Amino acid sequence: MEDLGPVAWPPEPIRTERLVLRASEARDRAAFMELLASPEVHTYLGGPQSPADLERETPAVPARWPGSFIVDLDGAMIGQILLRRATKHRPAAVGKLDLGYLFLPRAWGFGYAAEACAAALGWLAGEFPGEPVVLTTQSANVGSMRLAAKLGFAEVERFEAWEAEQWLGMRPGAAHA
């Protein structure tokens, strides 16, 4: 994956009814490491990272790069939205905008992922009008599959990778209103 390309970063925070999507800050480090070390979060992502490795390798301000939004609920990080360009991916995805997301298990089941992803996709449509967006998840990840459908992603293909069936969906580009 590579960054988004020509875009002013960080943008003004994006506010939804309950959430704020913003750039990473030093206060997010502990939650970020919790997110990356969580076995539940990484069930379909190849497993969690070691807390010792994360402590050693995580910078004071984690994930501060164009396309990385912290999802903030009431002043605390509950997740991350990742917007990048697909590079070493399936041919149908190469060069397209790619949406990824990770949420702490305590934030699951409240609609935060749908709310945050919809806001990020709205921002993306304003910055890159008309460009389609792709999303990849394991087909066994039922929650992620539901979210992809809710966000308007349609299946492009299924393929085997990382010893599991993967699902690639695409959402047509939208013009910014």
N, C-alpha and C. Protein backbone atom coordinates (compact mmCIF):
# COMPACT_ATOMS: atom_id res chain seq x y z
N MET A 1 0.84 -1.18 0.00
CA MET A 1 0.00 0.00 0.00
C MET A 1 0.88 1.24 0.00
N GLU A 2 0.38 2.28 -0.56
CA GLU A 2 1.09 3.55 -0.52
C GLU A 2 0.10 4.63 -0.10
N ASP A 3 0.66 5.82 0.22
CA ASP A 3 -0.24 6.86 0.71
C ASP A 3 -1.17 7.34 -0.39
N LEU A 4 -2.05 8.23 -0.02
CA LEU A 4 -3.12 8.66 -0.91
C LEU A 4 -2.65 9.45 -2.12
N GLY A 5 -1.55 10.15 -1.98
CA GLY A 5 -1.12 11.02 -3.05
C GLY A 5 -1.34 12.47 -2.67
N PRO A 6 -1.58 13.33 -3.64
CA PRO A 6 -1.66 14.77 -3.36
C PRO A 6 -2.92 15.14 -2.56
N VAL A 7 -2.73 15.25 -1.26
CA VAL A 7 -3.85 15.65 -0.39
C VAL A 7 -3.25 16.38 0.81
N ALA A 8 -3.89 17.45 1.22
CA ALA A 8 -3.43 18.19 2.40
C ALA A 8 -3.68 17.33 3.64
N TRP A 9 -2.64 17.15 4.45
CA TRP A 9 -2.78 16.29 5.63
C TRP A 9 -2.13 16.94 6.82
N PRO A 10 -2.69 16.87 7.98
CA PRO A 10 -4.00 16.28 8.26
C PRO A 10 -5.12 17.26 7.93
N PRO A 11 -6.28 16.74 7.55
CA PRO A 11 -7.42 17.62 7.30
C PRO A 11 -8.02 18.07 8.63
N GLU A 12 -8.96 18.96 8.55
CA GLU A 12 -9.72 19.33 9.74
C GLU A 12 -10.41 18.07 10.25
N PRO A 13 -10.57 17.92 11.55
CA PRO A 13 -11.28 16.75 12.05
C PRO A 13 -12.67 16.61 11.42
N ILE A 14 -13.06 15.39 11.18
CA ILE A 14 -14.37 15.09 10.61
C ILE A 14 -15.27 14.69 11.77
N ARG A 15 -16.37 15.38 11.92
CA ARG A 15 -17.29 15.12 13.03
C ARG A 15 -18.55 14.45 12.51
N THR A 16 -18.95 13.40 13.20
CA THR A 16 -20.21 12.73 12.91
C THR A 16 -21.10 12.96 14.12
N GLU A 17 -22.24 12.30 14.14
CA GLU A 17 -23.15 12.44 15.28
C GLU A 17 -22.47 12.08 16.60
N ARG A 18 -21.65 11.02 16.59
CA ARG A 18 -21.05 10.54 17.84
C ARG A 18 -19.53 10.53 17.86
N LEU A 19 -18.90 10.68 16.71
CA LEU A 19 -17.47 10.44 16.59
C LEU A 19 -16.72 11.63 16.01
N VAL A 20 -15.40 11.57 16.19
CA VAL A 20 -14.51 12.52 15.52
C VAL A 20 -13.42 11.68 14.85
N LEU A 21 -13.19 11.93 13.57
CA LEU A 21 -12.08 11.32 12.85
C LEU A 21 -11.00 12.39 12.77
N ARG A 22 -9.82 12.07 13.27
CA ARG A 22 -8.76 13.06 13.39
C ARG A 22 -7.40 12.39 13.19
N ALA A 23 -6.39 13.24 13.09
CA ALA A 23 -5.01 12.75 13.02
C ALA A 23 -4.61 12.19 14.38
N SER A 24 -3.64 11.31 14.36
CA SER A 24 -3.13 10.69 15.58
C SER A 24 -2.43 11.72 16.46
N GLU A 25 -2.49 11.47 17.77
CA GLU A 25 -1.82 12.31 18.76
C GLU A 25 -1.09 11.39 19.74
N ALA A 26 -0.19 11.94 20.52
CA ALA A 26 0.58 11.15 21.49
C ALA A 26 -0.34 10.42 22.46
N ARG A 27 -1.48 11.00 22.81
CA ARG A 27 -2.39 10.36 23.77
C ARG A 27 -3.02 9.07 23.24
N ASP A 28 -2.86 8.79 21.95
CA ASP A 28 -3.43 7.59 21.33
C ASP A 28 -2.52 6.38 21.40
N ARG A 29 -1.29 6.55 21.84
CA ARG A 29 -0.30 5.47 21.77
C ARG A 29 -0.76 4.20 22.48
N ALA A 30 -1.24 4.30 23.70
CA ALA A 30 -1.64 3.10 24.46
C ALA A 30 -2.80 2.38 23.77
N ALA A 31 -3.80 3.13 23.30
CA ALA A 31 -4.94 2.50 22.62
C ALA A 31 -4.51 1.90 21.29
N PHE A 32 -3.59 2.57 20.60
CA PHE A 32 -3.09 2.05 19.34
C PHE A 32 -2.37 0.72 19.55
N MET A 33 -1.54 0.65 20.58
CA MET A 33 -0.84 -0.60 20.88
C MET A 33 -1.83 -1.69 21.31
N GLU A 34 -2.85 -1.31 22.05
CA GLU A 34 -3.90 -2.28 22.44
C GLU A 34 -4.59 -2.83 21.20
N LEU A 35 -4.88 -1.96 20.24
CA LEU A 35 -5.53 -2.36 19.00
C LEU A 35 -4.67 -3.37 18.23
N LEU A 36 -3.39 -3.10 18.11
CA LEU A 36 -2.51 -3.97 17.35
C LEU A 36 -2.16 -5.27 18.08
N ALA A 37 -2.29 -5.28 19.40
CA ALA A 37 -1.98 -6.48 20.18
C ALA A 37 -3.21 -7.35 20.45
N SER A 38 -4.38 -6.90 20.04
CA SER A 38 -5.62 -7.61 20.34
C SER A 38 -5.81 -8.86 19.49
N PRO A 39 -5.92 -10.03 20.13
CA PRO A 39 -6.19 -11.25 19.37
C PRO A 39 -7.55 -11.19 18.67
N GLU A 40 -8.54 -10.57 19.30
CA GLU A 40 -9.88 -10.47 18.69
C GLU A 40 -9.84 -9.62 17.42
N VAL A 41 -9.17 -8.48 17.48
CA VAL A 41 -9.07 -7.59 16.33
C VAL A 41 -8.35 -8.28 15.18
N HIS A 42 -7.34 -9.08 15.50
CA HIS A 42 -6.49 -9.66 14.47
C HIS A 42 -6.82 -11.11 14.14
N THR A 43 -8.03 -11.54 14.49
CA THR A 43 -8.47 -12.90 14.15
C THR A 43 -8.35 -13.16 12.65
N TYR A 44 -8.70 -12.18 11.82
CA TYR A 44 -8.69 -12.35 10.37
C TYR A 44 -7.54 -11.59 9.71
N LEU A 45 -6.58 -11.16 10.51
CA LEU A 45 -5.48 -10.36 9.99
C LEU A 45 -4.10 -10.96 10.28
N GLY A 46 -4.06 -12.24 10.47
CA GLY A 46 -2.77 -12.89 10.66
C GLY A 46 -2.26 -12.93 12.09
N GLY A 47 -3.08 -12.53 13.03
CA GLY A 47 -2.69 -12.61 14.43
C GLY A 47 -2.17 -11.29 14.97
N PRO A 48 -2.21 -11.15 16.29
CA PRO A 48 -1.80 -9.90 16.92
C PRO A 48 -0.29 -9.73 16.93
N GLN A 49 0.13 -8.51 17.15
CA GLN A 49 1.55 -8.22 17.33
C GLN A 49 1.91 -8.37 18.80
N SER A 50 3.15 -8.63 19.06
CA SER A 50 3.63 -8.80 20.42
C SER A 50 3.64 -7.46 21.16
N PRO A 51 3.09 -7.42 22.39
CA PRO A 51 3.14 -6.17 23.17
C PRO A 51 4.56 -5.64 23.36
N ALA A 52 5.52 -6.54 23.55
CA ALA A 52 6.91 -6.10 23.73
C ALA A 52 7.44 -5.44 22.45
N ASP A 53 7.13 -6.05 21.29
CA ASP A 53 7.54 -5.45 20.02
C ASP A 53 6.87 -4.10 19.81
N LEU A 54 5.59 -4.03 20.12
CA LEU A 54 4.86 -2.77 19.96
C LEU A 54 5.43 -1.69 20.86
N GLU A 55 5.74 -2.03 22.07
CA GLU A 55 6.32 -1.06 23.01
C GLU A 55 7.63 -0.50 22.46
N ARG A 56 8.41 -1.36 21.87
CA ARG A 56 9.71 -0.98 21.34
C ARG A 56 9.60 -0.19 20.03
N GLU A 57 8.63 -0.57 19.19
CA GLU A 57 8.58 -0.04 17.83
C GLU A 57 7.57 1.08 17.58
N THR A 58 6.61 1.25 18.48
CA THR A 58 5.57 2.26 18.25
C THR A 58 6.09 3.64 18.60
N PRO A 59 6.04 4.57 17.66
CA PRO A 59 6.52 5.92 17.95
C PRO A 59 5.61 6.64 18.96
N ALA A 60 6.09 7.74 19.47
CA ALA A 60 5.33 8.52 20.46
C ALA A 60 3.97 8.94 19.90
N VAL A 61 3.96 9.28 18.62
CA VAL A 61 2.70 9.61 17.94
C VAL A 61 2.52 8.56 16.84
N PRO A 62 1.72 7.53 17.10
CA PRO A 62 1.60 6.42 16.15
C PRO A 62 0.73 6.77 14.93
N ALA A 63 1.01 6.09 13.84
CA ALA A 63 0.16 6.14 12.63
C ALA A 63 -0.14 7.55 12.17
N ARG A 64 0.85 8.41 12.19
CA ARG A 64 0.64 9.79 11.75
C ARG A 64 1.13 9.91 10.30
N TRP A 65 0.28 9.50 9.37
CA TRP A 65 0.60 9.60 7.96
C TRP A 65 -0.70 9.83 7.18
N PRO A 66 -0.58 10.43 5.98
CA PRO A 66 -1.78 10.71 5.19
C PRO A 66 -2.61 9.45 4.97
N GLY A 67 -3.88 9.54 5.33
CA GLY A 67 -4.80 8.43 5.15
C GLY A 67 -5.11 7.67 6.42
N SER A 68 -4.45 8.01 7.52
CA SER A 68 -4.70 7.33 8.79
C SER A 68 -5.50 8.25 9.70
N PHE A 69 -6.75 7.89 9.92
CA PHE A 69 -7.62 8.63 10.84
C PHE A 69 -7.78 7.86 12.14
N ILE A 70 -7.67 8.53 13.24
CA ILE A 70 -8.03 7.96 14.54
C ILE A 70 -9.53 8.18 14.70
N VAL A 71 -10.25 7.16 15.15
CA VAL A 71 -11.67 7.29 15.44
C VAL A 71 -11.77 7.54 16.95
N ASP A 72 -12.32 8.69 17.27
CA ASP A 72 -12.37 9.19 18.65
C ASP A 72 -13.82 9.23 19.12
N LEU A 73 -14.05 8.63 20.28
CA LEU A 73 -15.37 8.68 20.93
C LEU A 73 -15.17 9.32 22.30
N ASP A 74 -15.79 10.45 22.51
CA ASP A 74 -15.71 11.13 23.81
C ASP A 74 -14.27 11.37 24.26
N GLY A 75 -13.40 11.72 23.33
CA GLY A 75 -12.03 12.06 23.67
C GLY A 75 -11.07 10.89 23.75
N ALA A 76 -11.50 9.68 23.41
CA ALA A 76 -10.63 8.51 23.48
C ALA A 76 -10.66 7.74 22.16
N MET A 77 -9.51 7.24 21.76
CA MET A 77 -9.40 6.44 20.54
C MET A 77 -10.12 5.10 20.72
N ILE A 78 -10.99 4.77 19.74
CA ILE A 78 -11.65 3.47 19.74
C ILE A 78 -11.33 2.67 18.48
N GLY A 79 -10.66 3.32 17.52
CA GLY A 79 -10.36 2.63 16.27
C GLY A 79 -9.53 3.47 15.34
N GLN A 80 -9.31 2.91 14.17
CA GLN A 80 -8.51 3.57 13.15
C GLN A 80 -9.13 3.28 11.78
N ILE A 81 -9.18 4.30 10.94
CA ILE A 81 -9.58 4.17 9.54
C ILE A 81 -8.33 4.35 8.72
N LEU A 82 -8.11 3.47 7.76
CA LEU A 82 -6.93 3.52 6.90
C LEU A 82 -7.36 3.73 5.46
N LEU A 83 -6.88 4.79 4.85
CA LEU A 83 -7.16 5.07 3.45
C LEU A 83 -5.82 5.13 2.73
N ARG A 84 -5.64 4.25 1.77
CA ARG A 84 -4.38 4.18 1.03
C ARG A 84 -4.67 3.84 -0.42
N ARG A 85 -3.64 3.76 -1.21
CA ARG A 85 -3.77 3.26 -2.58
C ARG A 85 -3.26 1.84 -2.61
N ALA A 86 -4.03 0.97 -3.20
CA ALA A 86 -3.63 -0.43 -3.31
C ALA A 86 -2.49 -0.55 -4.32
N THR A 87 -1.46 -1.30 -3.95
CA THR A 87 -0.33 -1.50 -4.85
C THR A 87 -0.17 -2.99 -5.15
N LYS A 88 0.45 -3.73 -4.25
CA LYS A 88 0.66 -5.17 -4.47
C LYS A 88 -0.60 -5.89 -4.03
N HIS A 89 -1.53 -5.92 -4.89
CA HIS A 89 -2.87 -6.41 -4.55
C HIS A 89 -3.40 -7.16 -5.75
N ARG A 90 -4.62 -7.47 -5.71
CA ARG A 90 -5.28 -8.10 -6.85
C ARG A 90 -5.29 -7.10 -8.02
N PRO A 91 -5.18 -7.58 -9.25
CA PRO A 91 -5.18 -6.66 -10.40
C PRO A 91 -6.37 -5.70 -10.41
N ALA A 92 -7.53 -6.15 -9.97
CA ALA A 92 -8.72 -5.29 -9.97
C ALA A 92 -8.60 -4.14 -8.99
N ALA A 93 -7.67 -4.22 -8.04
CA ALA A 93 -7.55 -3.20 -7.00
C ALA A 93 -6.37 -2.26 -7.19
N VAL A 94 -5.36 -2.66 -7.94
CA VAL A 94 -4.13 -1.87 -8.04
C VAL A 94 -4.42 -0.44 -8.47
N GLY A 95 -3.86 0.50 -7.71
CA GLY A 95 -4.00 1.93 -8.01
C GLY A 95 -5.27 2.55 -7.48
N LYS A 96 -6.19 1.74 -6.99
CA LYS A 96 -7.45 2.28 -6.48
C LYS A 96 -7.31 2.64 -5.00
N LEU A 97 -8.18 3.51 -4.56
CA LEU A 97 -8.24 3.86 -3.16
C LEU A 97 -8.71 2.65 -2.38
N ASP A 98 -8.13 2.40 -1.22
CA ASP A 98 -8.41 1.22 -0.42
C ASP A 98 -8.84 1.66 0.98
N LEU A 99 -9.94 1.11 1.46
CA LEU A 99 -10.45 1.41 2.80
C LEU A 99 -10.14 0.25 3.73
N GLY A 100 -9.56 0.55 4.87
CA GLY A 100 -9.34 -0.44 5.91
C GLY A 100 -9.79 0.15 7.24
N TYR A 101 -10.04 -0.70 8.21
CA TYR A 101 -10.50 -0.22 9.51
C TYR A 101 -10.20 -1.25 10.58
N LEU A 102 -9.91 -0.75 11.77
CA LEU A 102 -9.68 -1.58 12.95
C LEU A 102 -10.37 -0.89 14.12
N PHE A 103 -11.11 -1.65 14.91
CA PHE A 103 -11.78 -1.09 16.09
C PHE A 103 -11.52 -1.97 17.29
N LEU A 104 -11.35 -1.35 18.43
CA LEU A 104 -11.19 -2.09 19.68
C LEU A 104 -12.45 -2.90 19.95
N PRO A 105 -12.32 -4.11 20.47
CA PRO A 105 -13.50 -4.95 20.71
C PRO A 105 -14.58 -4.28 21.56
N ARG A 106 -14.21 -3.45 22.50
CA ARG A 106 -15.23 -2.78 23.34
C ARG A 106 -16.09 -1.80 22.53
N ALA A 107 -15.66 -1.48 21.30
CA ALA A 107 -16.42 -0.56 20.45
C ALA A 107 -17.28 -1.31 19.42
N TRP A 108 -17.21 -2.64 19.41
CA TRP A 108 -17.96 -3.43 18.44
C TRP A 108 -19.44 -3.46 18.81
N GLY A 109 -20.28 -3.50 17.79
CA GLY A 109 -21.71 -3.71 17.99
C GLY A 109 -22.53 -2.45 18.23
N PHE A 110 -21.91 -1.28 18.10
CA PHE A 110 -22.62 -0.02 18.34
C PHE A 110 -22.80 0.82 17.08
N GLY A 111 -22.35 0.31 15.93
CA GLY A 111 -22.46 1.05 14.68
C GLY A 111 -21.37 2.08 14.46
N TYR A 112 -20.35 2.08 15.32
CA TYR A 112 -19.27 3.07 15.17
C TYR A 112 -18.49 2.87 13.88
N ALA A 113 -18.22 1.62 13.51
CA ALA A 113 -17.45 1.36 12.30
C ALA A 113 -18.20 1.88 11.07
N ALA A 114 -19.49 1.62 10.99
CA ALA A 114 -20.27 2.10 9.85
C ALA A 114 -20.29 3.63 9.81
N GLU A 115 -20.47 4.25 10.95
CA GLU A 115 -20.52 5.72 11.03
C GLU A 115 -19.17 6.32 10.63
N ALA A 116 -18.09 5.77 11.15
CA ALA A 116 -16.75 6.30 10.86
C ALA A 116 -16.36 6.05 9.40
N CYS A 117 -16.62 4.84 8.90
CA CYS A 117 -16.28 4.54 7.51
C CYS A 117 -17.08 5.39 6.54
N ALA A 118 -18.36 5.60 6.81
CA ALA A 118 -19.18 6.45 5.95
C ALA A 118 -18.64 7.88 5.92
N ALA A 119 -18.22 8.38 7.07
CA ALA A 119 -17.65 9.73 7.13
C ALA A 119 -16.34 9.80 6.36
N ALA A 120 -15.49 8.79 6.51
CA ALA A 120 -14.22 8.76 5.79
C ALA A 120 -14.45 8.67 4.28
N LEU A 121 -15.42 7.86 3.87
CA LEU A 121 -15.74 7.75 2.44
C LEU A 121 -16.29 9.07 1.90
N GLY A 122 -17.06 9.77 2.71
CA GLY A 122 -17.55 11.09 2.30
C GLY A 122 -16.40 12.07 2.10
N TRP A 123 -15.45 12.06 3.02
CA TRP A 123 -14.27 12.92 2.90
C TRP A 123 -13.49 12.55 1.65
N LEU A 124 -13.32 11.25 1.43
CA LEU A 124 -12.57 10.75 0.28
C LEU A 124 -13.23 11.20 -1.03
N ALA A 125 -14.55 11.16 -1.09
CA ALA A 125 -15.27 11.60 -2.29
C ALA A 125 -15.02 13.07 -2.58
N GLY A 126 -14.86 13.87 -1.53
CA GLY A 126 -14.56 15.29 -1.71
C GLY A 126 -13.15 15.52 -2.21
N GLU A 127 -12.21 14.71 -1.75
CA GLU A 127 -10.80 14.85 -2.14
C GLU A 127 -10.49 14.20 -3.48
N PHE A 128 -11.17 13.11 -3.79
CA PHE A 128 -10.92 12.34 -5.00
C PHE A 128 -12.25 12.00 -5.68
N PRO A 129 -12.97 13.02 -6.17
CA PRO A 129 -14.30 12.78 -6.74
C PRO A 129 -14.25 11.79 -7.90
N GLY A 130 -15.21 10.89 -7.87
CA GLY A 130 -15.36 9.93 -8.96
C GLY A 130 -14.48 8.69 -8.87
N GLU A 131 -13.55 8.65 -7.93
CA GLU A 131 -12.67 7.48 -7.84
C GLU A 131 -13.33 6.35 -7.06
N PRO A 132 -13.26 5.13 -7.59
CA PRO A 132 -13.81 3.99 -6.86
C PRO A 132 -12.92 3.64 -5.66
N VAL A 133 -13.50 2.93 -4.71
CA VAL A 133 -12.79 2.52 -3.50
C VAL A 133 -12.93 1.00 -3.38
N VAL A 134 -11.84 0.33 -2.99
CA VAL A 134 -11.87 -1.11 -2.77
C VAL A 134 -11.73 -1.42 -1.30
N LEU A 135 -12.13 -2.62 -0.94
CA LEU A 135 -12.05 -3.11 0.42
C LEU A 135 -11.82 -4.61 0.34
N THR A 136 -10.89 -5.13 1.12
CA THR A 136 -10.62 -6.57 1.16
C THR A 136 -10.80 -7.07 2.58
N THR A 137 -11.46 -8.20 2.72
CA THR A 137 -11.62 -8.84 4.02
C THR A 137 -11.71 -10.34 3.81
N GLN A 138 -11.48 -11.09 4.85
CA GLN A 138 -11.71 -12.53 4.74
C GLN A 138 -13.21 -12.78 4.66
N SER A 139 -13.60 -13.67 3.79
CA SER A 139 -15.04 -13.96 3.64
C SER A 139 -15.62 -14.54 4.93
N ALA A 140 -14.79 -15.12 5.78
CA ALA A 140 -15.25 -15.66 7.07
C ALA A 140 -15.55 -14.57 8.09
N ASN A 141 -15.10 -13.35 7.84
CA ASN A 141 -15.32 -12.25 8.76
C ASN A 141 -16.71 -11.66 8.51
N VAL A 142 -17.70 -12.27 9.13
CA VAL A 142 -19.11 -11.93 8.88
C VAL A 142 -19.40 -10.46 9.17
N GLY A 143 -18.88 -9.94 10.25
CA GLY A 143 -19.11 -8.54 10.59
C GLY A 143 -18.57 -7.59 9.54
N SER A 144 -17.38 -7.86 9.06
CA SER A 144 -16.78 -7.02 8.03
C SER A 144 -17.52 -7.15 6.71
N MET A 145 -18.00 -8.33 6.41
CA MET A 145 -18.78 -8.53 5.19
C MET A 145 -20.09 -7.72 5.26
N ARG A 146 -20.75 -7.73 6.41
CA ARG A 146 -21.98 -6.93 6.58
C ARG A 146 -21.69 -5.45 6.43
N LEU A 147 -20.60 -5.00 7.05
CA LEU A 147 -20.24 -3.58 6.95
C LEU A 147 -19.96 -3.19 5.50
N ALA A 148 -19.23 -4.02 4.77
CA ALA A 148 -18.93 -3.73 3.37
C ALA A 148 -20.22 -3.56 2.56
N ALA A 149 -21.19 -4.45 2.77
CA ALA A 149 -22.47 -4.35 2.06
C ALA A 149 -23.20 -3.07 2.46
N LYS A 150 -23.21 -2.77 3.74
CA LYS A 150 -23.89 -1.56 4.23
C LYS A 150 -23.29 -0.29 3.63
N LEU A 151 -21.98 -0.30 3.40
CA LEU A 151 -21.28 0.85 2.84
C LEU A 151 -21.37 0.92 1.32
N GLY A 152 -21.98 -0.07 0.69
CA GLY A 152 -22.17 -0.03 -0.76
C GLY A 152 -21.10 -0.73 -1.58
N PHE A 153 -20.30 -1.58 -0.95
CA PHE A 153 -19.29 -2.33 -1.70
C PHE A 153 -19.94 -3.57 -2.31
N ALA A 154 -19.62 -3.85 -3.55
CA ALA A 154 -20.12 -5.04 -4.25
C ALA A 154 -18.94 -5.94 -4.58
N GLU A 155 -19.17 -7.23 -4.50
CA GLU A 155 -18.11 -8.21 -4.74
C GLU A 155 -17.54 -8.09 -6.14
N VAL A 156 -16.21 -8.08 -6.20
CA VAL A 156 -15.49 -8.13 -7.47
C VAL A 156 -14.95 -9.53 -7.66
N GLU A 157 -14.38 -10.09 -6.59
CA GLU A 157 -13.85 -11.45 -6.67
C GLU A 157 -13.55 -12.00 -5.29
N ARG A 158 -13.40 -13.31 -5.25
CA ARG A 158 -12.90 -14.01 -4.06
C ARG A 158 -11.63 -14.71 -4.49
N PHE A 159 -10.70 -14.80 -3.57
CA PHE A 159 -9.41 -15.41 -3.88
C PHE A 159 -8.80 -15.98 -2.61
N GLU A 160 -7.85 -16.86 -2.79
CA GLU A 160 -7.14 -17.47 -1.66
C GLU A 160 -5.87 -16.69 -1.39
N ALA A 161 -5.66 -16.33 -0.13
CA ALA A 161 -4.41 -15.69 0.31
C ALA A 161 -4.31 -15.87 1.81
N TRP A 162 -3.11 -15.97 2.31
CA TRP A 162 -2.89 -16.13 3.75
C TRP A 162 -3.69 -17.31 4.30
N GLU A 163 -3.78 -18.38 3.49
CA GLU A 163 -4.44 -19.61 3.88
C GLU A 163 -5.93 -19.45 4.21
N ALA A 164 -6.57 -18.49 3.55
CA ALA A 164 -8.00 -18.26 3.77
C ALA A 164 -8.62 -17.60 2.54
N GLU A 165 -9.93 -17.77 2.39
CA GLU A 165 -10.63 -17.12 1.30
C GLU A 165 -10.78 -15.63 1.62
N GLN A 166 -10.40 -14.80 0.66
CA GLN A 166 -10.49 -13.34 0.79
C GLN A 166 -11.60 -12.83 -0.13
N TRP A 167 -12.19 -11.73 0.26
CA TRP A 167 -13.26 -11.09 -0.50
C TRP A 167 -12.79 -9.70 -0.89
N LEU A 168 -12.88 -9.38 -2.15
CA LEU A 168 -12.55 -8.04 -2.65
C LEU A 168 -13.82 -7.40 -3.15
N GLY A 169 -14.15 -6.25 -2.57
CA GLY A 169 -15.32 -5.51 -3.00
C GLY A 169 -14.91 -4.13 -3.52
N MET A 170 -15.80 -3.55 -4.32
CA MET A 170 -15.55 -2.22 -4.84
C MET A 170 -16.79 -1.37 -4.69
N ARG A 171 -16.56 -0.12 -4.41
CA ARG A 171 -17.64 0.86 -4.30
C ARG A 171 -17.38 1.89 -5.39
N PRO A 172 -18.38 2.14 -6.22
CA PRO A 172 -18.16 3.11 -7.31
C PRO A 172 -17.82 4.48 -6.76
N GLY A 173 -17.07 5.23 -7.54
CA GLY A 173 -16.71 6.59 -7.14
C GLY A 173 -17.95 7.47 -7.09
N ALA A 174 -17.93 8.38 -6.15
CA ALA A 174 -19.05 9.31 -6.00
C ALA A 174 -18.55 10.72 -6.23
N ALA A 175 -19.36 11.52 -6.84
CA ALA A 175 -19.04 12.93 -6.99
C ALA A 175 -19.32 13.62 -5.67
N HIS A 176 -18.49 14.56 -5.31
CA HIS A 176 -18.68 15.28 -4.05
C HIS A 176 -19.86 16.24 -4.22
N ALA A 177 -20.75 16.21 -3.25
CA ALA A 177 -21.94 17.07 -3.34
C ALA A 177 -21.65 18.47 -2.88
